Every structure is written in structure tokens, then in C-alpha cells.
Amino acid sequence: MPKESSSQTNSLLGTPEQLRDPNYTPPIGFAVPLGIQHVLAMFIANVTPAIIICGAAGFGFGSNSPDFGNMVYMMQMCMFLAGITTLLQTIGIGPVGSRLPIVQGTSFAFIPILIPLVAGQGVAAMAVVTGGVLVGGLVQAAIAPFVGRLRFALPPLVTGLIVLMIGLSLLRVGVQYAAGGVPAMNTPAFGSLENWLIAGVVIATTLGFKFFCKGMLSVSSVLIGLIVGYVVAYMFGQVSFGNVARAGYFELPKILPFGIEFTMTAIIGVTLMSLISAIETVGDVSGITKGGADREATDVEIKGATFADGLGTAFSSFFGALPNTSFSQNVGLIAMTKVMSRHVVTFGGIFLIICGLIPKIGAVIASIPITVLGGGVIVMFGMVVSSGVKMLADVDWTSRNMLIFALSVSVGLGLMLEPSALQHAHPVVKSLLATGLLPAASIAIVLNLAIPEEVKADQVDEAVEKAEQADVSTVEAKEVHA
């Protein structure tokens, strides 16, 4: 029955040829819900980086900071700019944009780089972030014509390691949130049974809907888990609607709300991650065309997507937002629905823009207790780790590759766990290396390029066989000539 129902739905959407065409628009009654489904699949993940960065800076959840409203504003901008940059991808402007159903959103990958820049420094630190994001985005846009040529330096061994390190660096944040957040640390409330119970409800609900439901309910499992956890937290008296009541119904974005400041630490860190983000975008474009249309991505599509990724990030900085990138979870959604229409995602982008202009939506999200969010991000960050492991599964684990992986993880994770080992390093160098991510990525890239591939026994046998065949052919040729 489910297969019959699915085929009936697809026939109403359009023919198989139409569904594989990015320029096709399904009937509006299907196109709008499908677009909103894309938004629901990435909604929480899109605003979570802003919540984490604001929390690290000291004006986030549980801080009782007078600057808490800035976090609400940043969440609005996450939605607003995700919508704007999504339209940049789906509609495009000249060479900018892939004209594919790519959903853009705030990137998790930059969090390990940004946390040391803002840690405990309040709103003032956001000016440094703005400067780094602007330069990083422009650099990414500048390499768009050449991004295809950089892929040789980032095989699955390197990209899988990078994604794995991003996930590992975030796991601590998820556990801290589930236990009550940084403001609750060193108090009896931190790690209380009540906090873990609420976080556990979110995790259990998410898993239940993910694996025991289908379609929309499965795709939106994290969002549903957060809603159920929110209700449980309300029953425990952890929800306050004060900020929701005070929030307005409409607010336009502000230009450089936190100012702008350029520092070498921020510029180098964000720029290096932007290069990696560009390669991830190439992978997402390839995943969309392969999963939705069973074809390879064209060079024009890859260049356009990278242009939009970089310029979208640079544009976001002017409104105090964080780096933007293509969202991989929506790539999977396209593979599942088999609807390649870019106009479907355009409707989703418009919906995000509307949400970003309504402060009350941001205030409602900000009313989610940190323990509820902790349950959700434990799942999301764990999935980042799993994605890295999945990419590493494609690696041929020769002694060469094992050594590269071992050294990269040892140094990267070691510095992440013991940053005091860098106490004699220059402050800029210390900030970059203490993330663990950049040293691990740098070591993996350099060693992968420097150490030659191992020659397998079967390759040797094949080469010998070819050489023998060549000798025989030469002898025969001489005999014929004679």
C-alpha cells in the first residue's frame, strides 16, 4: 500500500521526466508543502549555531544577560539569511547560484573556530566574528572557478576526518546543554535528574519518530522531539514566555549591528574553514543531482553553487549572521522525494525570510529550555560524527592511510583536550591550534599529498603482466619486420 500511495502522489506531482527537471514547478498545492517540509528538516539545525555561539560569548541561554535580546536577533538573521541565500541558489544572479534545489543554512562546521574567538567576551566579540565571516566568504567566492581542481587534495580520508573532528569538538557542548548549560555549572542544578530526564525525553522521542514513522514525521523527528521535550519542560516549570510577550511582530534587519573588526585569528580560521566548506558544497551538489536526477553535476552548477555559498556568507556578515552553507540533510530529502524542482525550494526560502522578519518566532525558539535543546543537539552532533565515520568507510585502510589518520587525530584531539600545551605559542597560533580541527585537517592534507600511495600486490602483478605482454608484442613485431 505505501508504494501504491507514493506512486499515486508522484503521478499527481508530475511525470518522472518532469520531476527530474530542476526547472519544473509541481502544482502549487504540492509545491508549497514540499517547500515547507524542506524548512522543517533544517529549521532547528539552522538556528542552533547562533545559540551555541551566543552561549559561549555569555549572553545566551541561562545567562540572565541584558544582551540576551541579541541572541534572539541572531536567530532571526539565521532564518532570514538562510532564506535569502537559498533564493540565491535556486533563482541565481548571473554566474552566482546553482539553479538547483539547494537549501542554505547556518553552518555547524565553523563553530569550533568561532567559540575560542568569543568565549566569555560578550557582544563585543561579535565584531571580530563579523570581520572573519566577511573575509572568509569573499575568499570562498573567489575560489569558485577553481574549486573542482581542489578536490584531489581532499579524498574521503581527509574529508571524513574533518567531519569527524567537527562532530567530536561539538559533543561536549551537547552534554553541557543537556546537563543545564554553562551558567548552571558548579551549582546543584547542573546535571540534575530533572535536566537529564527532559533531555532523555527529547532523544527518545526523536529516535521513535525517526525509525518508527515514515514521510514527514520521520524527516521532522528532531523538531518533534524538541516540541515534546518543550511540553515536558513546561510541566516542570522551566519555560518562560516573558520574552515572547515583549517581542515585536515585525523587524527589519540591521546593518552591522555588532560593528566589524578584522583580526588575523578570525580571518585565518574562518578562511581555512571556508575552503573546506566549499568542498562540502561540491559534495552536496553532486549528491542532489545524483539522488534526484541520477546524473553527475555540471561544472556550471558546481561553480554557481560555490559562488552562492561564498557570497551568501559574506552578505550574511553585514547583518550580524554566521557563515552559510548548503544543508546536507536536505540533500537526503531530495533523494527520498525524487522531486528536483528548484522552485519547490524557492517556496521554502520565502517561508524562511518571512520567519526571519518576525521577532516573536525567534523569541519562541529562545524560550526553549537549554536542557531541551541539549537533547536535540546531542542527536544532531552525534549524526555529524556518524557522517564522518560513514565517509571514512570508503577509505582503503592501508598502513599509509591508517598512519595519516592516527597522527592527525592524535594531534588534533590531543590539543583540543589539553590546550594548555600551547601556552608558549603566539596567541593567534594558539587560538587556531587549540580548536583541534585545523591542526588535524592540516596534518591530514599535507601527509596525504606528501606520502606516496602504497602499491598493492595485485597492482604489481598487473604491471608485470602488462610489461611481459609488451615484450612479447615487441619480439613479434621484430620477427614480422625481419
Protein backbone atom coordinates (compact mmCIF):
# COMPACT_ATOMS: atom_id res chain seq x y z
CA MET A 1 0.00 0.00 0.00
CA PRO A 2 2.70 2.60 0.84
CA LYS A 3 4.33 2.05 -2.57
CA GLU A 4 1.00 2.46 -4.35
CA SER A 5 0.24 5.61 -2.39
CA SER A 6 3.70 7.01 -3.17
CA SER A 7 3.34 6.33 -6.90
CA GLN A 8 -0.10 7.97 -6.92
CA THR A 9 1.35 11.05 -5.22
CA ASN A 10 4.24 11.24 -7.69
CA SER A 11 1.85 10.97 -10.64
CA LEU A 12 -0.06 13.98 -9.29
CA LEU A 13 3.21 15.90 -8.90
CA GLY A 14 4.27 15.27 -12.50
CA THR A 15 5.84 12.74 -14.82
CA PRO A 16 9.18 11.11 -13.91
CA GLU A 17 10.90 13.29 -16.52
CA GLN A 18 9.34 16.45 -15.07
CA LEU A 19 10.30 15.52 -11.51
CA ARG A 20 13.96 15.17 -12.59
CA ASP A 21 13.91 18.64 -14.16
CA PRO A 22 15.09 21.46 -11.82
CA ASN A 23 13.09 24.00 -13.85
CA TYR A 24 9.77 22.18 -13.47
CA THR A 25 7.21 23.52 -10.98
CA PRO A 26 4.76 21.00 -9.48
CA PRO A 27 1.14 22.06 -8.80
CA ILE A 28 1.11 24.82 -6.17
CA GLY A 29 -0.87 22.68 -3.73
CA PHE A 30 2.08 20.26 -3.61
CA ALA A 31 4.95 22.70 -4.19
CA VAL A 32 4.32 24.87 -1.11
CA PRO A 33 4.01 21.99 1.42
CA LEU A 34 7.10 20.34 -0.09
CA GLY A 35 9.00 23.62 0.30
CA ILE A 36 7.92 23.98 3.95
CA GLN A 37 8.96 20.36 4.53
CA HIS A 38 12.49 21.35 3.46
CA VAL A 39 12.41 24.16 6.04
CA LEU A 40 11.21 21.87 8.83
CA ALA A 41 14.03 19.43 8.05
CA MET A 42 16.67 22.10 8.73
CA PHE A 43 14.91 24.62 10.98
CA ILE A 44 16.41 23.78 14.37
CA ALA A 45 19.84 22.93 12.97
CA ASN A 46 19.84 26.34 11.25
CA VAL A 47 19.43 28.41 14.43
CA THR A 48 21.45 26.17 16.77
CA PRO A 49 24.91 27.58 15.80
CA ALA A 50 23.80 31.08 16.82
CA ILE A 51 22.52 29.74 20.14
CA ILE A 52 25.85 27.99 20.80
CA ILE A 53 28.00 30.99 19.86
CA CYS A 54 25.90 33.39 21.95
CA GLY A 55 26.07 30.97 24.87
CA ALA A 56 29.86 30.76 24.58
CA ALA A 57 30.07 34.57 24.46
CA GLY A 58 27.99 34.85 27.64
CA PHE A 59 24.66 36.30 26.52
CA GLY A 60 22.83 33.09 25.66
CA PHE A 61 20.50 30.71 27.49
CA GLY A 62 20.55 30.94 31.29
CA SER A 63 22.95 33.90 31.33
CA ASN A 64 20.39 36.48 32.55
CA SER A 65 22.41 38.91 30.43
CA PRO A 66 20.84 42.24 29.42
CA ASP A 67 22.17 41.44 25.95
CA PHE A 68 20.01 38.29 25.65
CA GLY A 69 17.91 40.04 23.00
CA ASN A 70 20.92 39.93 20.69
CA MET A 71 20.66 36.14 20.61
CA VAL A 72 17.02 36.41 19.53
CA TYR A 73 18.08 38.84 16.80
CA MET A 74 20.85 36.48 15.62
CA MET A 75 18.38 33.61 15.39
CA GLN A 76 16.12 35.82 13.28
CA MET A 77 19.04 36.56 10.99
CA CYS A 78 19.86 32.86 10.73
CA MET A 79 16.37 32.32 9.31
CA PHE A 80 16.32 35.48 7.19
CA LEU A 81 19.76 34.95 5.62
CA ALA A 82 19.13 31.22 5.11
CA GLY A 83 16.11 32.26 3.05
CA ILE A 84 18.00 34.93 1.10
CA THR A 85 20.95 32.65 0.28
CA THR A 86 18.60 29.79 -0.62
CA LEU A 87 16.98 32.05 -3.22
CA LEU A 88 20.46 32.97 -4.42
CA GLN A 89 21.00 29.26 -5.11
CA THR A 90 17.62 28.39 -6.62
CA ILE A 91 16.98 31.55 -8.68
CA GLY A 92 20.55 32.76 -9.17
CA ILE A 93 22.06 36.01 -10.39
CA GLY A 94 24.35 35.69 -13.42
CA PRO A 95 27.12 33.16 -12.60
CA VAL A 96 26.05 33.07 -8.95
CA GLY A 97 23.78 30.20 -7.95
CA SER A 98 23.46 26.58 -8.99
CA ARG A 99 19.81 26.81 -10.14
CA LEU A 100 19.29 23.58 -8.20
CA PRO A 101 17.08 22.76 -5.15
CA ILE A 102 19.82 23.59 -2.63
CA VAL A 103 18.75 24.72 0.85
CA GLN A 104 21.24 27.04 2.55
CA GLY A 105 21.61 27.41 6.31
CA THR A 106 23.97 28.37 9.13
CA SER A 107 26.98 26.06 9.18
CA PHE A 108 27.96 23.86 12.15
CA ALA A 109 31.47 23.48 10.74
CA PHE A 110 32.58 26.94 11.86
CA ILE A 111 31.51 26.57 15.50
CA PRO A 112 34.83 25.07 16.75
CA ILE A 113 36.64 28.01 15.12
CA LEU A 114 34.30 30.71 16.45
CA ILE A 115 33.90 29.57 20.07
CA PRO A 116 37.50 30.49 21.11
CA LEU A 117 37.05 33.90 19.47
CA VAL A 118 34.02 34.82 21.58
CA ALA A 119 34.45 32.77 24.79
CA GLY A 120 33.21 34.89 27.71
CA GLN A 121 33.74 38.18 25.87
CA GLY A 122 30.11 39.19 25.40
CA VAL A 123 28.53 41.03 22.48
CA ALA A 124 31.74 42.97 21.77
CA ALA A 125 33.35 39.80 20.40
CA MET A 126 30.77 39.55 17.63
CA ALA A 127 32.52 42.36 15.71
CA VAL A 128 35.55 40.07 15.30
CA VAL A 129 33.29 37.26 14.09
CA THR A 130 31.70 39.60 11.55
CA GLY A 131 35.10 40.56 10.11
CA GLY A 132 36.22 36.94 9.83
CA VAL A 133 32.97 35.83 8.20
CA LEU A 134 33.13 38.65 5.62
CA VAL A 135 36.69 37.83 4.51
CA GLY A 136 36.12 34.06 4.62
CA GLY A 137 33.03 34.35 2.44
CA LEU A 138 34.79 36.51 -0.15
CA VAL A 139 37.71 34.07 -0.34
CA GLN A 140 35.32 31.17 -0.88
CA ALA A 141 33.60 33.07 -3.67
CA ALA A 142 36.99 33.85 -5.24
CA ILE A 143 37.96 30.16 -5.48
CA ALA A 144 34.63 29.14 -7.04
CA PRO A 145 36.08 28.84 -10.59
CA PHE A 146 38.86 26.57 -9.30
CA VAL A 147 37.07 24.55 -6.64
CA GLY A 148 36.85 21.47 -8.85
CA ARG A 149 40.64 21.34 -9.05
CA LEU A 150 40.99 21.30 -5.25
CA ARG A 151 39.08 18.06 -4.83
CA PHE A 152 42.22 15.97 -5.43
CA ALA A 153 43.61 17.22 -2.10
CA LEU A 154 40.51 16.14 -0.17
CA PRO A 155 39.83 12.41 -0.65
CA PRO A 156 37.42 10.58 1.73
CA LEU A 157 40.30 10.06 4.19
CA VAL A 158 40.66 13.83 4.65
CA THR A 159 37.03 14.93 4.34
CA GLY A 160 35.82 12.12 6.60
CA LEU A 161 38.42 13.04 9.21
CA ILE A 162 37.40 16.72 9.08
CA VAL A 163 33.70 15.95 9.53
CA LEU A 164 34.53 13.51 12.34
CA MET A 165 36.62 16.16 14.16
CA ILE A 166 33.84 18.74 13.77
CA GLY A 167 31.40 16.35 15.43
CA LEU A 168 33.82 15.36 18.21
CA SER A 169 34.55 19.01 19.02
CA LEU A 170 30.82 19.68 19.45
CA LEU A 171 29.88 16.71 21.65
CA ARG A 172 30.95 18.49 24.82
CA VAL A 173 28.56 21.36 24.05
CA GLY A 174 25.63 18.96 23.68
CA VAL A 175 26.28 17.28 27.03
CA GLN A 176 26.73 20.65 28.77
CA TYR A 177 23.40 21.84 27.42
CA ALA A 178 21.60 18.65 28.44
CA ALA A 179 23.00 18.95 31.96
CA GLY A 180 21.80 22.54 32.33
CA GLY A 181 24.22 24.75 30.40
CA VAL A 182 27.38 26.63 31.30
CA PRO A 183 25.61 29.13 33.65
CA ALA A 184 24.42 26.18 35.79
CA MET A 185 27.89 24.66 36.14
CA ASN A 186 29.25 24.48 39.71
CA THR A 187 25.68 24.56 41.05
CA PRO A 188 23.47 21.70 42.30
CA ALA A 189 21.18 22.19 39.29
CA PHE A 190 23.88 21.13 36.83
CA GLY A 191 23.43 17.51 35.80
CA SER A 192 20.28 17.08 37.90
CA LEU A 193 17.94 14.14 37.31
CA GLU A 194 15.27 16.56 36.11
CA ASN A 195 17.55 18.02 33.44
CA TRP A 196 18.65 14.61 32.17
CA LEU A 197 15.06 13.36 32.20
CA ILE A 198 13.95 16.20 29.92
CA ALA A 199 16.93 15.72 27.58
CA GLY A 200 16.24 11.97 27.55
CA VAL A 201 12.62 12.55 26.52
CA VAL A 202 13.83 14.59 23.54
CA ILE A 203 16.29 11.89 22.48
CA ALA A 204 13.78 9.04 22.91
CA THR A 205 11.05 10.91 21.01
CA THR A 206 13.45 11.79 18.19
CA LEU A 207 14.55 8.16 17.80
CA GLY A 208 10.96 6.92 17.96
CA PHE A 209 9.70 9.16 15.17
CA LYS A 210 12.84 8.68 13.08
CA PHE A 211 12.71 4.89 12.99
CA PHE A 212 9.04 4.00 13.57
CA CYS A 213 7.37 6.62 11.37
CA LYS A 214 7.60 7.49 7.68
CA GLY A 215 7.49 10.53 5.44
CA MET A 216 7.10 13.93 7.07
CA LEU A 217 7.03 12.58 10.63
CA SER A 218 10.35 10.78 10.11
CA VAL A 219 12.02 13.75 8.39
CA SER A 220 10.93 16.15 11.17
CA SER A 221 11.86 13.79 14.04
CA VAL A 222 14.29 16.23 15.72
CA LEU A 223 11.73 19.05 15.58
CA ILE A 224 9.01 16.78 17.04
CA GLY A 225 11.41 15.64 19.76
CA LEU A 226 12.06 19.24 20.75
CA ILE A 227 8.32 20.02 20.84
CA VAL A 228 7.60 17.03 23.11
CA GLY A 229 10.57 17.96 25.32
CA TYR A 230 9.30 21.55 25.43
CA VAL A 231 5.93 20.35 26.75
CA VAL A 232 7.63 18.21 29.43
CA ALA A 233 9.90 21.12 30.43
CA TYR A 234 6.81 23.36 30.71
CA MET A 235 5.30 20.83 33.12
CA PHE A 236 8.47 21.11 35.23
CA GLY A 237 8.21 24.91 35.22
CA GLN A 238 11.30 25.50 33.06
CA VAL A 239 9.54 27.53 30.32
CA SER A 240 9.10 31.30 30.48
CA PHE A 241 7.06 33.28 27.94
CA GLY A 242 8.17 36.72 29.13
CA ASN A 243 10.40 37.44 26.13
CA VAL A 244 7.73 36.17 23.72
CA ALA A 245 5.22 38.71 25.06
CA ARG A 246 7.75 41.55 24.75
CA ALA A 247 8.91 40.63 21.23
CA GLY A 248 7.55 42.58 18.28
CA TYR A 249 5.61 41.32 15.26
CA PHE A 250 7.91 42.72 12.61
CA GLU A 251 11.52 43.95 12.48
CA LEU A 252 13.84 44.74 9.60
CA PRO A 253 17.47 43.54 9.63
CA LYS A 254 20.14 45.94 10.90
CA ILE A 255 23.35 46.73 9.01
CA LEU A 256 26.45 45.71 11.04
CA PRO A 257 24.53 45.54 14.35
CA PHE A 258 27.68 44.47 16.23
CA GLY A 259 30.18 46.55 14.25
CA ILE A 260 33.10 44.99 12.40
CA GLU A 261 36.69 44.25 13.38
CA PHE A 262 39.40 42.40 11.49
CA THR A 263 41.83 40.14 13.37
CA MET A 264 44.28 37.61 11.95
CA THR A 265 42.94 34.81 14.15
CA ALA A 266 39.38 35.20 12.89
CA ILE A 267 40.36 35.76 9.26
CA ILE A 268 42.73 32.77 9.07
CA GLY A 269 40.40 30.42 10.96
CA VAL A 270 37.22 31.28 9.07
CA THR A 271 39.01 31.40 5.70
CA LEU A 272 40.51 27.92 6.14
CA MET A 273 37.11 26.53 7.12
CA SER A 274 35.54 28.31 4.14
CA LEU A 275 37.83 26.35 1.81
CA ILE A 276 36.67 23.11 3.41
CA SER A 277 33.05 24.31 3.28
CA ALA A 278 33.45 24.88 -0.47
CA ILE A 279 34.42 21.24 -0.97
CA GLU A 280 31.44 20.12 1.14
CA THR A 281 29.17 22.20 -1.09
CA VAL A 282 30.57 20.42 -4.15
CA GLY A 283 29.66 17.12 -2.48
CA ASP A 284 26.12 18.33 -1.73
CA VAL A 285 25.59 19.48 -5.33
CA SER A 286 26.77 16.09 -6.59
CA GLY A 287 24.50 14.35 -4.08
CA ILE A 288 21.45 16.33 -5.23
CA THR A 289 21.93 15.69 -8.95
CA LYS A 290 22.75 12.02 -8.38
CA GLY A 291 19.95 11.36 -5.88
CA GLY A 292 17.25 13.43 -7.60
CA ALA A 293 18.08 13.13 -11.30
CA ASP A 294 20.55 10.22 -11.49
CA ARG A 295 23.23 12.31 -13.19
CA GLU A 296 26.52 14.00 -12.36
CA ALA A 297 26.64 17.70 -11.52
CA THR A 298 27.90 20.01 -14.27
CA ASP A 299 30.86 22.37 -13.85
CA VAL A 300 28.49 25.34 -14.19
CA GLU A 301 26.30 24.04 -11.36
CA ILE A 302 29.31 23.41 -9.08
CA LYS A 303 30.83 26.85 -9.75
CA GLY A 304 27.48 28.58 -9.29
CA ALA A 305 26.79 26.78 -6.01
CA THR A 306 30.22 27.70 -4.60
CA PHE A 307 29.81 31.32 -5.72
CA ALA A 308 26.45 31.50 -3.91
CA ASP A 309 27.89 29.80 -0.83
CA GLY A 310 30.73 32.31 -0.53
CA LEU A 311 28.84 35.48 -1.45
CA GLY A 312 25.93 34.37 0.74
CA THR A 313 28.30 34.04 3.70
CA ALA A 314 29.88 37.44 3.02
CA PHE A 315 26.43 39.04 2.63
CA SER A 316 25.28 37.43 5.90
CA SER A 317 28.10 39.13 7.81
CA PHE A 318 26.63 42.57 7.11
CA PHE A 319 23.58 41.65 9.20
CA GLY A 320 25.49 40.05 12.08
CA ALA A 321 24.81 36.48 10.95
CA LEU A 322 27.14 33.46 10.82
CA PRO A 323 28.60 31.61 7.79
CA ASN A 324 26.10 29.99 5.43
CA THR A 325 26.45 26.70 3.59
CA SER A 326 24.40 24.08 1.78
CA PHE A 327 22.49 21.77 4.14
CA SER A 328 23.25 18.08 3.67
CA GLN A 329 20.07 16.83 5.39
CA ASN A 330 18.04 18.40 2.60
CA VAL A 331 20.14 16.53 0.04
CA GLY A 332 18.81 13.32 1.60
CA LEU A 333 15.27 14.70 1.49
CA ILE A 334 15.51 15.23 -2.28
CA ALA A 335 16.82 11.71 -2.74
CA MET A 336 13.79 10.48 -0.77
CA THR A 337 11.08 12.55 -2.54
CA LYS A 338 12.72 12.44 -6.00
CA VAL A 339 11.46 15.99 -6.61
CA MET A 340 14.28 18.04 -8.22
CA SER A 341 12.29 21.25 -8.69
CA ARG A 342 14.30 24.28 -7.59
CA HIS A 343 11.05 26.24 -7.36
CA VAL A 344 9.84 23.98 -4.54
CA VAL A 345 12.89 25.03 -2.50
CA THR A 346 12.27 28.66 -3.53
CA PHE A 347 8.94 28.50 -1.66
CA GLY A 348 10.86 27.19 1.36
CA GLY A 349 13.32 30.09 1.09
CA ILE A 350 10.48 32.62 1.04
CA PHE A 351 9.00 30.97 4.14
CA LEU A 352 12.36 31.33 5.93
CA ILE A 353 12.58 35.03 5.00
CA ILE A 354 9.12 35.67 6.46
CA CYS A 355 10.07 33.84 9.68
CA GLY A 356 13.24 35.93 9.93
CA LEU A 357 11.28 39.18 9.87
CA ILE A 358 9.03 38.21 12.79
CA PRO A 359 10.80 38.60 16.16
CA LYS A 360 8.14 36.61 18.00
CA ILE A 361 9.25 33.47 16.16
CA GLY A 362 12.80 33.99 17.38
CA ALA A 363 11.50 34.66 20.89
CA VAL A 364 9.50 31.41 20.88
CA ILE A 365 12.63 29.49 19.88
CA ALA A 366 14.60 31.32 22.59
CA SER A 367 12.04 30.18 25.17
CA ILE A 368 13.11 26.55 24.62
CA PRO A 369 14.89 25.47 27.84
CA ILE A 370 18.55 24.68 27.34
CA THR A 371 18.05 21.11 28.57
CA VAL A 372 15.52 20.51 25.77
CA LEU A 373 17.94 21.91 23.22
CA GLY A 374 20.66 19.73 24.74
CA GLY A 375 18.74 16.57 23.92
CA GLY A 376 18.30 17.73 20.33
CA VAL A 377 21.91 18.76 19.74
CA ILE A 378 23.25 15.52 21.25
CA VAL A 379 21.43 13.74 18.43
CA MET A 380 22.47 16.28 15.78
CA PHE A 381 26.13 16.39 16.80
CA GLY A 382 26.20 12.61 17.06
CA MET A 383 24.94 12.47 13.48
CA VAL A 384 27.82 14.73 12.42
CA VAL A 385 30.22 12.18 13.93
CA SER A 386 28.34 9.35 12.19
CA SER A 387 28.57 11.18 8.86
CA GLY A 388 32.33 11.40 9.26
CA VAL A 389 32.55 7.68 10.07
CA LYS A 390 30.40 6.88 7.03
CA MET A 391 32.75 8.87 4.79
CA LEU A 392 35.74 7.09 6.31
CA ALA A 393 34.12 3.75 5.45
CA ASP A 394 35.01 4.44 1.81
CA VAL A 395 38.72 4.64 2.68
CA ASP A 396 41.08 1.81 1.74
CA TRP A 397 42.69 1.27 5.16
CA THR A 398 46.28 0.63 4.12
CA SER A 399 49.08 1.16 6.65
CA ARG A 400 49.72 4.55 4.97
CA ASN A 401 46.16 5.77 5.47
CA MET A 402 46.00 4.40 9.00
CA LEU A 403 49.16 6.30 9.92
CA ILE A 404 47.86 9.56 8.43
CA PHE A 405 44.56 9.18 10.28
CA ALA A 406 46.26 8.19 13.55
CA LEU A 407 48.66 11.13 13.61
CA SER A 408 46.00 13.66 12.58
CA VAL A 409 43.51 12.54 15.24
CA SER A 410 46.17 12.22 17.94
CA VAL A 411 47.44 15.77 17.48
CA GLY A 412 44.04 17.37 16.79
CA LEU A 413 42.08 15.69 19.57
CA GLY A 414 45.02 15.94 21.97
CA LEU A 415 45.30 19.72 21.55
CA MET A 416 41.53 20.04 21.86
CA LEU A 417 41.58 18.20 25.20
CA GLU A 418 44.75 19.87 26.53
CA PRO A 419 45.05 23.42 25.10
CA SER A 420 47.47 24.40 27.89
CA ALA A 421 50.15 22.50 25.94
CA LEU A 422 50.22 25.57 23.68
CA GLN A 423 50.84 28.11 26.45
CA HIS A 424 54.12 29.29 24.86
CA ALA A 425 52.66 29.70 21.37
CA HIS A 426 51.74 33.06 19.86
CA PRO A 427 48.13 33.96 20.79
CA VAL A 428 46.98 33.74 17.15
CA VAL A 429 48.63 30.36 16.67
CA LYS A 430 47.29 29.12 19.99
CA SER A 431 43.71 30.10 19.11
CA LEU A 432 43.89 28.28 15.78
CA LEU A 433 45.57 25.12 17.05
CA ALA A 434 43.51 24.77 20.24
CA THR A 435 40.40 24.06 18.17
CA GLY A 436 41.93 20.70 17.26
CA LEU A 437 40.10 20.83 13.94
CA LEU A 438 42.57 22.93 11.96
CA PRO A 439 45.72 21.03 13.03
CA ALA A 440 44.04 17.69 12.32
CA ALA A 441 42.87 18.85 8.89
CA SER A 442 46.23 20.43 8.02
CA ILE A 443 48.22 17.34 9.01
CA ALA A 444 45.89 15.05 7.06
CA ILE A 445 46.02 17.21 3.90
CA VAL A 446 49.81 17.64 3.95
CA LEU A 447 50.60 13.98 4.69
CA ASN A 448 48.09 12.78 2.09
CA LEU A 449 49.84 14.87 -0.56
CA ALA A 450 53.38 14.10 0.61
CA ILE A 451 53.28 10.36 1.31
CA PRO A 452 53.03 8.21 -1.83
CA GLU A 453 50.26 5.67 -2.18
CA GLU A 454 51.15 2.08 -1.36
CA VAL A 455 51.49 -0.24 -4.31
CA LYS A 456 49.38 -3.35 -3.78
CA ALA A 457 50.49 -6.84 -4.75
CA ASP A 458 47.79 -7.19 -7.39
CA GLN A 459 48.84 -3.87 -8.92
CA VAL A 460 52.42 -5.15 -9.13
CA ASP A 461 51.25 -8.37 -10.77
CA GLU A 462 49.17 -6.39 -13.24
CA ALA A 463 52.12 -4.14 -14.10
CA VAL A 464 54.41 -7.17 -14.59
CA GLU A 465 51.83 -8.85 -16.81
CA LYS A 466 51.48 -5.71 -18.95
CA ALA A 467 55.27 -5.46 -19.23
CA GLU A 468 55.55 -9.10 -20.31
CA GLN A 469 52.80 -8.60 -22.90
CA ALA A 470 54.62 -5.53 -24.19
CA ASP A 471 57.88 -7.54 -24.51
CA VAL A 472 56.11 -10.33 -26.41
CA SER A 473 54.48 -7.80 -28.75
CA THR A 474 57.88 -6.19 -29.40
CA VAL A 475 59.51 -9.54 -30.23
CA GLU A 476 56.66 -10.49 -32.57
CA ALA A 477 56.88 -7.11 -34.28
CA LYS A 478 60.62 -7.59 -34.86
CA GLU A 479 60.09 -11.07 -36.30
CA VAL A 480 57.43 -9.77 -38.70
CA HIS A 481 59.70 -6.93 -39.74
CA ALA A 482 62.57 -9.40 -40.33
